[in-house]
C-alpha cells in the first residue's frame, strides 16, 4: 500500500550507507573522513523549505556528521545510538507526531524497526538485501551518491509540494 505522503512532517535518516557510501576513512593522525553528496544536501534543504523537519539517527559518533548536520540546519541529531527506537520515540513525543507522519531512510538490519514503524520508508540501491522487501521505496542511486536527493524528490512530488519549493528555479 502506498502511504499518503502529504501527512509526512519529519524525515529521519541514517548516516553511514544512506547519507554516505558507508565507507569510513581514517588517516594516520586519527582523523575521520566521510563524503557527502551536495545534491543530497540540496534535496534536504528543499524538504526543509517545504516545512518538513529533518533529523539524523546514527549508531556511530562523528564530528564530521555533527558538522554536516550543522551546515544543513539539522538540529535533531542523535549519534552513538544502539537502539534507534529510543530516539525515534523521543522525537515523536517532542514534536507531537505519530509514526505515520515520519519518513525514515535506512540501509541495514539495525534500521528495520524504524523502517517498519515509519509512515514512509526508503532504502538505497546498495542496501542489505534483507531490508529491501520492508520499504516503500528502493532508490536507483546508492548511498552517498544521490539516494537522499531521490528520496527527498519522491517525498516532495508525492506530497504535492514540488512545484512550490522549486518555483524559484523556474522548472517546467
Protein backbone atom coordinates (compact mmCIF):
# COMPACT_ATOMS: atom_id res chain seq x y z
CA UNK A 1 0.00 0.00 0.00
CA UNK A 2 1.32 3.43 -0.96
CA UNK A 3 1.24 5.83 2.00
CA UNK A 4 -0.20 9.34 1.85
CA UNK A 5 2.95 11.44 1.65
CA UNK A 6 1.06 14.66 2.36
CA UNK A 7 0.98 13.54 6.01
CA UNK A 8 4.79 13.43 6.34
CA UNK A 9 6.12 16.08 8.75
CA UNK A 10 9.56 14.65 9.50
CA UNK A 11 12.30 12.89 7.53
CA UNK A 12 14.74 10.86 9.63
CA UNK A 13 17.94 9.50 8.14
CA UNK A 14 20.63 7.00 8.97
CA UNK A 15 24.09 8.28 8.03
CA UNK A 16 26.58 5.55 7.08
CA UNK A 17 25.30 3.89 3.93
CA UNK A 18 22.49 6.41 3.36
CA UNK A 19 23.92 9.93 3.59
CA UNK A 20 27.37 8.48 2.81
CA UNK A 21 28.54 5.49 0.82
CA UNK A 22 29.18 3.66 4.07
CA UNK A 23 32.96 3.87 3.95
CA UNK A 24 34.78 5.30 6.94
CA UNK A 25 38.26 6.54 6.19
CA UNK A 26 40.85 7.18 8.91
CA UNK A 27 44.25 8.75 8.38
CA UNK A 28 47.40 8.10 10.42
CA UNK A 29 46.56 11.02 12.71
CA UNK A 30 43.16 9.65 13.74
CA UNK A 31 41.11 11.95 11.52
CA UNK A 32 37.89 10.54 10.15
CA UNK A 33 36.66 11.24 6.64
CA UNK A 34 33.22 10.78 5.08
CA UNK A 35 31.95 12.02 1.74
CA UNK A 36 28.53 13.63 1.39
CA UNK A 37 26.77 14.35 -1.91
CA UNK A 38 25.93 18.03 -2.48
CA UNK A 39 22.76 17.08 -4.34
CA UNK A 40 21.59 15.20 -1.25
CA UNK A 41 22.19 18.34 0.79
CA UNK A 42 20.17 20.44 -1.63
CA UNK A 43 17.35 17.91 -1.52
CA UNK A 44 17.31 18.15 2.28
CA UNK A 45 17.14 21.95 2.06
CA UNK A 46 14.18 21.64 -0.35
CA UNK A 47 12.41 19.32 2.09
CA UNK A 48 13.03 21.78 4.92
CA UNK A 49 11.78 24.65 2.75
CA UNK A 50 8.55 22.66 2.29
CA UNK A 51 8.09 22.58 6.07
CA UNK A 52 9.27 19.03 6.69
CA UNK A 53 11.75 18.71 9.57
CA UNK A 54 14.87 16.61 9.08
CA UNK A 55 16.71 14.55 11.67
CA UNK A 56 19.57 12.09 11.93
CA UNK A 57 19.77 8.87 13.94
CA UNK A 58 23.08 7.03 13.66
CA UNK A 59 24.91 4.32 15.52
CA UNK A 60 28.32 5.98 15.33
CA UNK A 61 29.67 9.17 16.88
CA UNK A 62 31.36 11.50 14.42
CA UNK A 63 32.37 15.16 14.41
CA UNK A 64 32.01 15.01 10.63
CA UNK A 65 28.30 14.17 10.98
CA UNK A 66 27.79 16.96 13.52
CA UNK A 67 29.40 19.42 11.13
CA UNK A 68 27.33 18.28 8.14
CA UNK A 69 24.14 18.46 10.20
CA UNK A 70 25.02 21.99 11.31
CA UNK A 71 25.69 23.05 7.70
CA UNK A 72 22.26 21.74 6.71
CA UNK A 73 20.43 23.26 9.69
CA UNK A 74 19.55 19.85 11.12
CA UNK A 75 19.11 20.13 14.88
CA UNK A 76 17.62 16.69 15.58
CA UNK A 77 20.89 14.74 15.69
CA UNK A 78 21.23 11.51 17.65
CA UNK A 79 24.65 9.85 17.46
CA UNK A 80 26.07 6.78 19.16
CA UNK A 81 22.64 5.18 19.26
CA UNK A 82 22.48 1.45 19.98
CA UNK A 83 18.67 1.11 19.78
CA UNK A 84 17.22 3.55 17.25
CA UNK A 85 13.70 3.05 18.61
CA UNK A 86 14.58 5.10 21.70
CA UNK A 87 15.39 8.41 19.95
CA UNK A 88 12.58 7.74 17.46
CA UNK A 89 10.07 7.64 20.32
CA UNK A 90 11.67 10.69 21.97
CA UNK A 91 11.39 12.67 18.75
CA UNK A 92 7.76 11.64 18.24
CA UNK A 93 6.94 12.83 21.75
CA UNK A 94 8.96 16.04 21.44
CA UNK A 95 7.38 17.02 18.11
CA UNK A 96 3.96 15.54 18.95
CA UNK A 97 3.95 13.35 15.87
CA UNK A 98 2.57 9.92 15.08
CA UNK A 99 4.73 7.28 13.35
CA UNK A 100 2.68 7.65 10.16
CA UNK A 101 3.86 11.29 9.93
CA UNK A 102 7.51 10.22 9.75
CA UNK A 103 9.60 9.14 6.79
CA UNK A 104 12.68 7.07 7.59
CA UNK A 105 15.61 6.06 5.40
CA UNK A 106 18.00 3.31 6.48
CA UNK A 107 20.11 0.67 4.79
CA UNK A 108 20.80 -2.21 7.16
CA UNK A 109 19.25 -4.64 9.62
CA UNK A 110 19.58 -2.22 12.54
CA UNK A 111 17.18 0.11 10.67
CA UNK A 112 14.37 -2.42 10.25
CA UNK A 113 12.45 -1.49 13.42
CA UNK A 114 12.14 2.14 12.25
CA UNK A 115 11.56 1.25 8.61
CA UNK A 116 8.60 -0.89 9.72
CA UNK A 117 7.16 1.81 12.02
CA UNK A 118 7.52 4.88 9.82
CA UNK A 119 4.65 6.06 7.68
CA UNK A 120 7.01 6.09 4.71
CA UNK A 121 10.20 4.07 4.49
CA UNK A 122 13.04 4.12 1.99
CA UNK A 123 16.35 2.44 1.42
CA UNK A 124 19.21 2.85 -1.00
CA UNK A 125 20.07 0.72 -4.03
CA UNK A 126 23.05 -0.87 -2.29
CA UNK A 127 21.26 -1.61 0.99
CA UNK A 128 21.34 -5.00 2.65
CA UNK A 129 19.07 -7.25 0.60
CA UNK A 130 17.08 -8.20 3.72
CA UNK A 131 15.95 -4.57 4.08
CA UNK A 132 14.52 -4.01 0.60
CA UNK A 133 11.28 -6.03 0.97
CA UNK A 134 10.30 -3.92 4.00
CA UNK A 135 10.30 -0.44 2.44
CA UNK A 136 8.06 1.66 0.24
CA UNK A 137 10.93 2.93 -1.93
CA UNK A 138 14.26 1.47 -3.01
CA UNK A 139 16.25 4.23 -4.69
CA UNK A 140 18.00 3.82 -8.00
CA UNK A 141 21.06 5.53 -6.58
CA UNK A 142 23.44 4.18 -3.95
CA UNK A 143 24.01 5.64 -0.52
CA UNK A 144 26.12 8.80 -0.57
CA UNK A 145 25.61 9.06 -4.32
CA UNK A 146 22.33 10.96 -4.64
CA UNK A 147 19.98 8.49 -2.95
CA UNK A 148 18.90 11.02 -0.32
CA UNK A 149 18.08 13.52 -3.06
CA UNK A 150 15.98 10.87 -4.77
CA UNK A 151 14.10 10.25 -1.50
CA UNK A 152 13.57 13.98 -0.98
CA UNK A 153 12.28 14.49 -4.52
CA UNK A 154 9.95 11.50 -4.13
CA UNK A 155 8.53 12.90 -0.88
CA UNK A 156 8.05 16.39 -2.29
CA UNK A 157 6.42 15.23 -5.52
CA UNK A 158 4.25 12.64 -3.76
CA UNK A 159 3.03 15.23 -1.25
CA UNK A 160 2.29 17.79 -3.99
CA UNK A 161 4.97 20.17 -2.67
CA UNK A 162 7.47 20.00 -5.54
CA UNK A 163 6.18 22.95 -7.56
CA UNK A 164 6.04 25.21 -4.52
CA UNK A 165 9.62 24.60 -3.40
CA UNK A 166 11.13 24.65 -6.89
CA UNK A 167 9.22 27.65 -8.29
CA UNK A 168 12.22 29.94 -7.75
CA UNK A 169 14.17 27.81 -10.24
CA UNK A 170 11.51 28.14 -12.97
CA UNK A 171 11.35 24.39 -13.61
CA UNK A 172 8.85 23.45 -16.31
